[in-house]
Amino acid sequence: MKTKKCRSCNYCKRVYRKFRYGFGYGIEFSKAYYCTACKKITEPESEPCENFCRKKRRETDLSPQRFDEAEEAIRFISKSLKDE
């Protein structure tokens, strides 16, 4: 079994930071995580709190309705490109 870490907890979210370069701004993620259960910043490799809940895998929607919507969108795009 894998060990429990904050990075694999469903309550821990990535922390993003804004930085300035040249005349613009950029956004990058930092190494820290924010625990929404405890409302504090944590490190990804630290031991999780008592509210640990493993992240759930996302399930892909492979229903026929989803494919029909995609085909319709492709037909619309190809028709729009032909009109130009």
PDB file of N, CA and C in Angstrom:
ATOM      1  N   MET A   1       0.837  -1.189   0.000  1.00  0.00           N
ATOM      2  CA  MET A   1       0.000   0.000   0.000  1.00  0.00           C
ATOM      3  C   MET A   1       0.873   1.240   0.000  1.00  0.00           C
ATOM      4  N   LYS A   2       0.468   2.221  -0.743  1.00  0.00           N
ATOM      5  CA  LYS A   2       1.211   3.474  -0.792  1.00  0.00           C
ATOM      6  C   LYS A   2       1.001   4.235   0.511  1.00  0.00           C
ATOM      7  N   THR A   3       1.988   5.034   0.853  1.00  0.00           N
ATOM      8  CA  THR A   3       1.872   5.815   2.081  1.00  0.00           C
ATOM      9  C   THR A   3       0.982   7.024   1.848  1.00  0.00           C
ATOM     10  N   LYS A   4       0.371   7.478   2.900  1.00  0.00           N
ATOM     11  CA  LYS A   4      -0.506   8.642   2.825  1.00  0.00           C
ATOM     12  C   LYS A   4       0.343   9.904   2.893  1.00  0.00           C
ATOM     13  N   LYS A   5       0.170  10.785   1.923  1.00  0.00           N
ATOM     14  CA  LYS A   5       0.861  12.067   1.861  1.00  0.00           C
ATOM     15  C   LYS A   5      -0.154  13.147   1.531  1.00  0.00           C
ATOM     16  N   CYS A   6       0.175  14.383   1.841  1.00  0.00           N
ATOM     17  CA  CYS A   6      -0.744  15.491   1.560  1.00  0.00           C
ATOM     18  C   CYS A   6      -1.047  15.627   0.067  1.00  0.00           C
ATOM     19  N   ARG A   7      -0.066  15.331  -0.781  1.00  0.00           N
ATOM     20  CA  ARG A   7      -0.300  15.495  -2.221  1.00  0.00           C
ATOM     21  C   ARG A   7      -1.337  14.516  -2.767  1.00  0.00           C
ATOM     22  N   SER A   8      -1.575  13.401  -2.066  1.00  0.00           N
ATOM     23  CA  SER A   8      -2.570  12.438  -2.536  1.00  0.00           C
ATOM     24  C   SER A   8      -3.901  12.570  -1.802  1.00  0.00           C
ATOM     25  N   CYS A   9      -4.048  13.613  -0.979  1.00  0.00           N
ATOM     26  CA  CYS A   9      -5.284  13.840  -0.239  1.00  0.00           C
ATOM     27  C   CYS A   9      -6.251  14.674  -1.072  1.00  0.00           C
ATOM     28  N   ASN A  10      -7.517  14.357  -1.022  1.00  0.00           N
ATOM     29  CA  ASN A  10      -8.528  15.079  -1.789  1.00  0.00           C
ATOM     30  C   ASN A  10      -8.739  16.501  -1.260  1.00  0.00           C
ATOM     31  N   TYR A  11      -8.410  16.740   0.006  1.00  0.00           N
ATOM     32  CA  TYR A  11      -8.594  18.064   0.602  1.00  0.00           C
ATOM     33  C   TYR A  11      -7.446  19.016   0.282  1.00  0.00           C
ATOM     34  N   CYS A  12      -6.302  18.508  -0.151  1.00  0.00           N
ATOM     35  CA  CYS A  12      -5.144  19.354  -0.432  1.00  0.00           C
ATOM     36  C   CYS A  12      -5.161  19.816  -1.883  1.00  0.00           C
ATOM     37  N   LYS A  13      -5.027  21.112  -2.072  1.00  0.00           N
ATOM     38  CA  LYS A  13      -5.044  21.717  -3.406  1.00  0.00           C
ATOM     39  C   LYS A  13      -3.724  22.426  -3.657  1.00  0.00           C
ATOM     40  N   ARG A  14      -3.318  22.508  -4.906  1.00  0.00           N
ATOM     41  CA  ARG A  14      -2.079  23.191  -5.267  1.00  0.00           C
ATOM     42  C   ARG A  14      -2.173  24.679  -4.972  1.00  0.00           C
ATOM     43  N   VAL A  15      -1.036  25.262  -4.620  1.00  0.00           N
ATOM     44  CA  VAL A  15      -0.950  26.698  -4.396  1.00  0.00           C
ATOM     45  C   VAL A  15      -0.280  27.300  -5.623  1.00  0.00           C
ATOM     46  N   TYR A  16      -0.898  28.299  -6.208  1.00  0.00           N
ATOM     47  CA  TYR A  16      -0.341  28.989  -7.368  1.00  0.00           C
ATOM     48  C   TYR A  16       0.157  30.353  -6.922  1.00  0.00           C
ATOM     49  N   ARG A  17       1.179  30.846  -7.617  1.00  0.00           N
ATOM     50  CA  ARG A  17       1.684  32.175  -7.299  1.00  0.00           C
ATOM     51  C   ARG A  17       1.893  32.959  -8.582  1.00  0.00           C
ATOM     52  N   LYS A  18       1.759  34.261  -8.450  1.00  0.00           N
ATOM     53  CA  LYS A  18       1.922  35.153  -9.587  1.00  0.00           C
ATOM     54  C   LYS A  18       3.342  35.703  -9.548  1.00  0.00           C
ATOM     55  N   PHE A  19       3.988  35.766 -10.693  1.00  0.00           N
ATOM     56  CA  PHE A  19       5.319  36.357 -10.746  1.00  0.00           C
ATOM     57  C   PHE A  19       5.396  37.312 -11.921  1.00  0.00           C
ATOM     58  N   ARG A  20       6.314  38.231 -11.830  1.00  0.00           N
ATOM     59  CA  ARG A  20       6.449  39.248 -12.865  1.00  0.00           C
ATOM     60  C   ARG A  20       7.707  38.972 -13.667  1.00  0.00           C
ATOM     61  N   TYR A  21       7.590  39.058 -14.968  1.00  0.00           N
ATOM     62  CA  TYR A  21       8.756  38.945 -15.833  1.00  0.00           C
ATOM     63  C   TYR A  21       8.600  39.964 -16.947  1.00  0.00           C
ATOM     64  N   GLY A  22       9.659  40.687 -17.233  1.00  0.00           N
ATOM     65  CA  GLY A  22       9.607  41.703 -18.275  1.00  0.00           C
ATOM     66  C   GLY A  22       8.488  42.695 -18.009  1.00  0.00           C
ATOM     67  N   PHE A  23       7.581  42.821 -18.970  1.00  0.00           N
ATOM     68  CA  PHE A  23       6.444  43.719 -18.824  1.00  0.00           C
ATOM     69  C   PHE A  23       5.146  42.977 -18.540  1.00  0.00           C
ATOM     70  N   GLY A  24       5.231  41.708 -18.250  1.00  0.00           N
ATOM     71  CA  GLY A  24       4.019  40.926 -18.039  1.00  0.00           C
ATOM     72  C   GLY A  24       4.050  40.157 -16.731  1.00  0.00           C
ATOM     73  N   TYR A  25       3.032  39.334 -16.577  1.00  0.00           N
ATOM     74  CA  TYR A  25       2.899  38.497 -15.391  1.00  0.00           C
ATOM     75  C   TYR A  25       2.703  37.054 -15.826  1.00  0.00           C
ATOM     76  N   GLY A  26       3.072  36.170 -14.962  1.00  0.00           N
ATOM     77  CA  GLY A  26       2.868  34.757 -15.217  1.00  0.00           C
ATOM     78  C   GLY A  26       2.350  34.085 -13.961  1.00  0.00           C
ATOM     79  N   ILE A  27       1.829  32.897 -14.118  1.00  0.00           N
ATOM     80  CA  ILE A  27       1.318  32.133 -12.973  1.00  0.00           C
ATOM     81  C   ILE A  27       1.980  30.766 -13.013  1.00  0.00           C
ATOM     82  N   GLU A  28       2.485  30.349 -11.861  1.00  0.00           N
ATOM     83  CA  GLU A  28       3.074  29.023 -11.753  1.00  0.00           C
ATOM     84  C   GLU A  28       2.653  28.412 -10.427  1.00  0.00           C
ATOM     85  N   PHE A  29       2.750  27.099 -10.318  1.00  0.00           N
ATOM     86  CA  PHE A  29       2.392  26.474  -9.061  1.00  0.00           C
ATOM     87  C   PHE A  29       3.628  26.342  -8.199  1.00  0.00           C
ATOM     88  N   SER A  30       3.451  26.491  -6.918  1.00  0.00           N
ATOM     89  CA  SER A  30       4.553  26.318  -5.987  1.00  0.00           C
ATOM     90  C   SER A  30       4.554  24.878  -5.485  1.00  0.00           C
ATOM     91  N   LYS A  31       5.542  24.522  -4.692  1.00  0.00           N
ATOM     92  CA  LYS A  31       5.627  23.163  -4.167  1.00  0.00           C
ATOM     93  C   LYS A  31       4.664  22.943  -3.013  1.00  0.00           C
ATOM     94  N   ALA A  32       4.145  24.005  -2.460  1.00  0.00           N
ATOM     95  CA  ALA A  32       3.257  23.897  -1.303  1.00  0.00           C
ATOM     96  C   ALA A  32       1.841  23.519  -1.721  1.00  0.00           C
ATOM     97  N   TYR A  33       1.101  22.944  -0.794  1.00  0.00           N
ATOM     98  CA  TYR A  33      -0.305  22.609  -0.970  1.00  0.00           C
ATOM     99  C   TYR A  33      -1.101  23.322   0.119  1.00  0.00           C
ATOM    100  N   TYR A  34      -2.401  23.531  -0.125  1.00  0.00           N
ATOM    101  CA  TYR A  34      -3.278  24.136   0.861  1.00  0.00           C
ATOM    102  C   TYR A  34      -4.317  23.106   1.267  1.00  0.00           C
ATOM    103  N   CYS A  35      -4.361  22.803   2.555  1.00  0.00           N
ATOM    104  CA  CYS A  35      -5.328  21.838   3.068  1.00  0.00           C
ATOM    105  C   CYS A  35      -6.637  22.575   3.343  1.00  0.00           C
ATOM    106  N   THR A  36      -7.688  22.238   2.608  1.00  0.00           N
ATOM    107  CA  THR A  36      -8.972  22.918   2.782  1.00  0.00           C
ATOM    108  C   THR A  36      -9.693  22.446   4.033  1.00  0.00           C
ATOM    109  N   ALA A  37      -9.324  21.293   4.564  1.00  0.00           N
ATOM    110  CA  ALA A  37      -9.951  20.792   5.794  1.00  0.00           C
ATOM    111  C   ALA A  37      -9.383  21.521   7.015  1.00  0.00           C
ATOM    112  N   CYS A  38      -8.050  21.681   7.052  1.00  0.00           N
ATOM    113  CA  CYS A  38      -7.394  22.337   8.196  1.00  0.00           C
ATOM    114  C   CYS A  38      -7.181  23.822   7.971  1.00  0.00           C
ATOM    115  N   LYS A  39      -7.345  24.274   6.718  1.00  0.00           N
ATOM    116  CA  LYS A  39      -7.144  25.667   6.337  1.00  0.00           C
ATOM    117  C   LYS A  39      -5.729  26.144   6.672  1.00  0.00           C
ATOM    118  N   LYS A  40      -4.732  25.378   6.167  1.00  0.00           N
ATOM    119  CA  LYS A  40      -3.341  25.768   6.360  1.00  0.00           C
ATOM    120  C   LYS A  40      -2.491  25.247   5.205  1.00  0.00           C
ATOM    121  N   ILE A  41      -1.324  25.858   5.021  1.00  0.00           N
ATOM    122  CA  ILE A  41      -0.379  25.468   3.987  1.00  0.00           C
ATOM    123  C   ILE A  41       0.403  24.242   4.467  1.00  0.00           C
ATOM    124  N   THR A  42       0.587  23.270   3.581  1.00  0.00           N
ATOM    125  CA  THR A  42       1.336  22.063   3.915  1.00  0.00           C
ATOM    126  C   THR A  42       2.351  21.777   2.821  1.00  0.00           C
ATOM    127  N   GLU A  43       3.270  20.891   3.111  1.00  0.00           N
ATOM    128  CA  GLU A  43       4.245  20.418   2.126  1.00  0.00           C
ATOM    129  C   GLU A  43       3.698  19.145   1.484  1.00  0.00           C
ATOM    130  N   PRO A  44       4.041  18.880   0.218  1.00  0.00           N
ATOM    131  CA  PRO A  44       3.471  17.707  -0.458  1.00  0.00           C
ATOM    132  C   PRO A  44       3.859  16.375   0.172  1.00  0.00           C
ATOM    133  N   GLU A  45       5.037  16.281   0.758  1.00  0.00           N
ATOM    134  CA  GLU A  45       5.500  15.020   1.337  1.00  0.00           C
ATOM    135  C   GLU A  45       5.210  14.898   2.831  1.00  0.00           C
ATOM    136  N   SER A  46       4.526  15.857   3.410  1.00  0.00           N
ATOM    137  CA  SER A  46       4.251  15.797   4.844  1.00  0.00           C
ATOM    138  C   SER A  46       3.122  14.803   5.142  1.00  0.00           C
ATOM    139  N   GLU A  47       3.047  14.410   6.386  1.00  0.00           N
ATOM    140  CA  GLU A  47       1.993  13.495   6.820  1.00  0.00           C
ATOM    141  C   GLU A  47       0.657  14.228   6.818  1.00  0.00           C
ATOM    142  N   PRO A  48      -0.400  13.609   6.321  1.00  0.00           N
ATOM    143  CA  PRO A  48      -1.701  14.286   6.249  1.00  0.00           C
ATOM    144  C   PRO A  48      -2.372  14.389   7.617  1.00  0.00           C
ATOM    145  N   CYS A  49      -3.382  15.223   7.672  1.00  0.00           N
ATOM    146  CA  CYS A  49      -4.147  15.398   8.907  1.00  0.00           C
ATOM    147  C   CYS A  49      -5.123  14.231   9.085  1.00  0.00           C
ATOM    148  N   GLU A  50      -5.903  14.278  10.138  1.00  0.00           N
ATOM    149  CA  GLU A  50      -6.850  13.190  10.427  1.00  0.00           C
ATOM    150  C   GLU A  50      -8.013  13.156   9.436  1.00  0.00           C
ATOM    151  N   ASN A  51      -8.170  14.176   8.601  1.00  0.00           N
ATOM    152  CA  ASN A  51      -9.264  14.237   7.618  1.00  0.00           C
ATOM    153  C   ASN A  51      -8.878  13.628   6.271  1.00  0.00           C
ATOM    154  N   PHE A  52      -7.783  12.893   6.218  1.00  0.00           N
ATOM    155  CA  PHE A  52      -7.270  12.361   4.953  1.00  0.00           C
ATOM    156  C   PHE A  52      -8.345  11.595   4.187  1.00  0.00           C
ATOM    157  N   CYS A  53      -8.445  11.911   2.909  1.00  0.00           N
ATOM    158  CA  CYS A  53      -9.379  11.244   2.002  1.00  0.00           C
ATOM    159  C   CYS A  53      -8.671  11.144   0.651  1.00  0.00           C
ATOM    160  N   ARG A  54      -8.417   9.921   0.184  1.00  0.00           N
ATOM    161  CA  ARG A  54      -7.669   9.734  -1.054  1.00  0.00           C
ATOM    162  C   ARG A  54      -8.408  10.356  -2.238  1.00  0.00           C
ATOM    163  N   LYS A  55      -7.622  10.961  -3.160  1.00  0.00           N
ATOM    164  CA  LYS A  55      -8.206  11.561  -4.354  1.00  0.00           C
ATOM    165  C   LYS A  55      -8.877  10.486  -5.199  1.00  0.00           C
ATOM    166  N   LYS A  56      -9.991  10.848  -5.771  1.00  0.00           N
ATOM    167  CA  LYS A  56     -10.727   9.922  -6.624  1.00  0.00           C
ATOM    168  C   LYS A  56     -10.289  10.112  -8.068  1.00  0.00           C
ATOM    169  N   ARG A  57     -10.232   9.017  -8.793  1.00  0.00           N
ATOM    170  CA  ARG A  57      -9.869   9.091 -10.199  1.00  0.00           C
ATOM    171  C   ARG A  57     -11.036   9.662 -10.994  1.00  0.00           C
ATOM    172  N   ARG A  58     -10.715  10.459 -11.986  1.00  0.00           N
ATOM    173  CA  ARG A  58     -11.757  10.987 -12.863  1.00  0.00           C
ATOM    174  C   ARG A  58     -12.186   9.903 -13.837  1.00  0.00           C
ATOM    175  N   GLU A  59     -13.468   9.801 -14.031  1.00  0.00           N
ATOM    176  CA  GLU A  59     -13.975   8.828 -14.991  1.00  0.00           C
ATOM    177  C   GLU A  59     -14.266   9.533 -16.305  1.00  0.00           C
ATOM    178  N   THR A  60     -13.868   8.894 -17.392  1.00  0.00           N
ATOM    179  CA  THR A  60     -14.072   9.457 -18.714  1.00  0.00           C
ATOM    180  C   THR A  60     -15.472   9.121 -19.199  1.00  0.00           C
ATOM    181  N   ASP A  61     -16.141  10.132 -19.777  1.00  0.00           N
ATOM    182  CA  ASP A  61     -17.491   9.942 -20.295  1.00  0.00           C
ATOM    183  C   ASP A  61     -17.403   9.399 -21.719  1.00  0.00           C
ATOM    184  N   LEU A  62     -17.708   8.140 -21.906  1.00  0.00           N
ATOM    185  CA  LEU A  62     -17.667   7.497 -23.217  1.00  0.00           C
ATOM    186  C   LEU A  62     -19.054   7.145 -23.726  1.00  0.00           C
ATOM    187  N   SER A  63     -20.056   7.907 -23.317  1.00  0.00           N
ATOM    188  CA  SER A  63     -21.423   7.624 -23.719  1.00  0.00           C
ATOM    189  C   SER A  63     -21.651   8.018 -25.185  1.00  0.00           C
ATOM    190  N   PRO A  64     -22.592   7.351 -25.856  1.00  0.00           N
ATOM    191  CA  PRO A  64     -22.900   7.685 -27.253  1.00  0.00           C
ATOM    192  C   PRO A  64     -23.345   9.141 -27.420  1.00  0.00           C
ATOM    193  N   GLN A  65     -24.038   9.674 -26.421  1.00  0.00           N
ATOM    194  CA  GLN A  65     -24.489  11.066 -26.489  1.00  0.00           C
ATOM    195  C   GLN A  65     -23.293  12.009 -26.575  1.00  0.00           C
ATOM    196  N   ARG A  66     -22.240  11.728 -25.828  1.00  0.00           N
ATOM    197  CA  ARG A  66     -21.036  12.560 -25.827  1.00  0.00           C
ATOM    198  C   ARG A  66     -20.378  12.530 -27.205  1.00  0.00           C
ATOM    199  N   PHE A  67     -20.335  11.347 -27.845  1.00  0.00           N
ATOM    200  CA  PHE A  67     -19.751  11.250 -29.176  1.00  0.00           C
ATOM    201  C   PHE A  67     -20.608  11.976 -30.214  1.00  0.00           C
ATOM    202  N   ASP A  68     -21.918  11.912 -30.071  1.00  0.00           N
ATOM    203  CA  ASP A  68     -22.804  12.627 -30.991  1.00  0.00           C
ATOM    204  C   ASP A  68     -22.576  14.136 -30.904  1.00  0.00           C
ATOM    205  N   GLU A  69     -22.416  14.656 -29.692  1.00  0.00           N
ATOM    206  CA  GLU A  69     -22.149  16.086 -29.503  1.00  0.00           C
ATOM    207  C   GLU A  69     -20.819  16.471 -30.139  1.00  0.00           C
ATOM    208  N   ALA A  70     -19.811  15.611 -30.010  1.00  0.00           N
ATOM    209  CA  ALA A  70     -18.501  15.891 -30.592  1.00  0.00           C
ATOM    210  C   ALA A  70     -18.569  15.895 -32.115  1.00  0.00           C
ATOM    211  N   GLU A  71     -19.286  14.938 -32.697  1.00  0.00           N
ATOM    212  CA  GLU A  71     -19.436  14.887 -34.152  1.00  0.00           C
ATOM    213  C   GLU A  71     -20.169  16.123 -34.666  1.00  0.00           C
ATOM    214  N   GLU A  72     -21.192  16.547 -33.938  1.00  0.00           N
ATOM    215  CA  GLU A  72     -21.938  17.748 -34.328  1.00  0.00           C
ATOM    216  C   GLU A  72     -21.036  18.975 -34.282  1.00  0.00           C
ATOM    217  N   ALA A  73     -20.197  19.074 -33.260  1.00  0.00           N
ATOM    218  CA  ALA A  73     -19.281  20.205 -33.141  1.00  0.00           C
ATOM    219  C   ALA A  73     -18.255  20.198 -34.270  1.00  0.00           C
ATOM    220  N   ILE A  74     -17.778  19.022 -34.650  1.00  0.00           N
ATOM    221  CA  ILE A  74     -16.815  18.924 -35.751  1.00  0.00           C
ATOM    222  C   ILE A  74     -17.460  19.318 -37.072  1.00  0.00           C
ATOM    223  N   ARG A  75     -18.703  18.873 -37.300  1.00  0.00           N
ATOM    224  CA  ARG A  75     -19.417  19.275 -38.523  1.00  0.00           C
ATOM    225  C   ARG A  75     -19.595  20.793 -38.581  1.00  0.00           C
ATOM    226  N   PHE A  76     -19.945  21.413 -37.461  1.00  0.00           N
ATOM    227  CA  PHE A  76     -20.123  22.864 -37.408  1.00  0.00           C
ATOM    228  C   PHE A  76     -18.814  23.587 -37.717  1.00  0.00           C
ATOM    229  N   ILE A  77     -17.717  23.121 -37.135  1.00  0.00           N
ATOM    230  CA  ILE A  77     -16.416  23.758 -37.380  1.00  0.00           C
ATOM    231  C   ILE A  77     -15.991  23.611 -38.834  1.00  0.00           C
ATOM    232  N   SER A  78     -16.151  22.425 -39.396  1.00  0.00           N
ATOM    233  CA  SER A  78     -15.747  22.220 -40.792  1.00  0.00           C
ATOM    234  C   SER A  78     -16.623  23.051 -41.731  1.00  0.00           C
ATOM    235  N   LYS A  79     -17.915  23.183 -41.445  1.00  0.00           N
ATOM    236  CA  LYS A  79     -18.799  24.016 -42.253  1.00  0.00           C
ATOM    237  C   LYS A  79     -18.397  25.480 -42.143  1.00  0.00           C
ATOM    238  N   SER A  80     -18.062  25.917 -40.941  1.00  0.00           N
ATOM    239  CA  SER A  80     -17.629  27.312 -40.739  1.00  0.00           C
ATOM    240  C   SER A  80     -16.331  27.612 -41.483  1.00  0.00           C
ATOM    241  N   LEU A  81     -15.409  26.652 -41.509  1.00  0.00           N
ATOM    242  CA  LEU A  81     -14.149  26.860 -42.199  1.00  0.00           C
ATOM    243  C   LEU A  81     -14.350  26.866 -43.713  1.00  0.00           C
ATOM    244  N   LYS A  82     -15.303  26.093 -44.240  1.00  0.00           N
ATOM    245  CA  LYS A  82     -15.582  26.072 -45.677  1.00  0.00           C
ATOM    246  C   LYS A  82     -16.211  27.390 -46.128  1.00  0.00           C
ATOM    247  N   ASP A  83     -16.997  28.013 -45.257  1.00  0.00           N
ATOM    248  CA  ASP A  83     -17.659  29.266 -45.603  1.00  0.00           C
ATOM    249  C   ASP A  83     -16.687  30.417 -45.745  1.00  0.00           C
ATOM    250  N   GLU A  84     -15.542  30.326 -45.092  1.00  0.00           N
ATOM    251  CA  GLU A  84     -14.569  31.435 -45.149  1.00  0.00           C
ATOM    252  C   GLU A  84     -13.838  31.438 -46.396  1.00  0.00           C
TER     253      GLU A  84
END
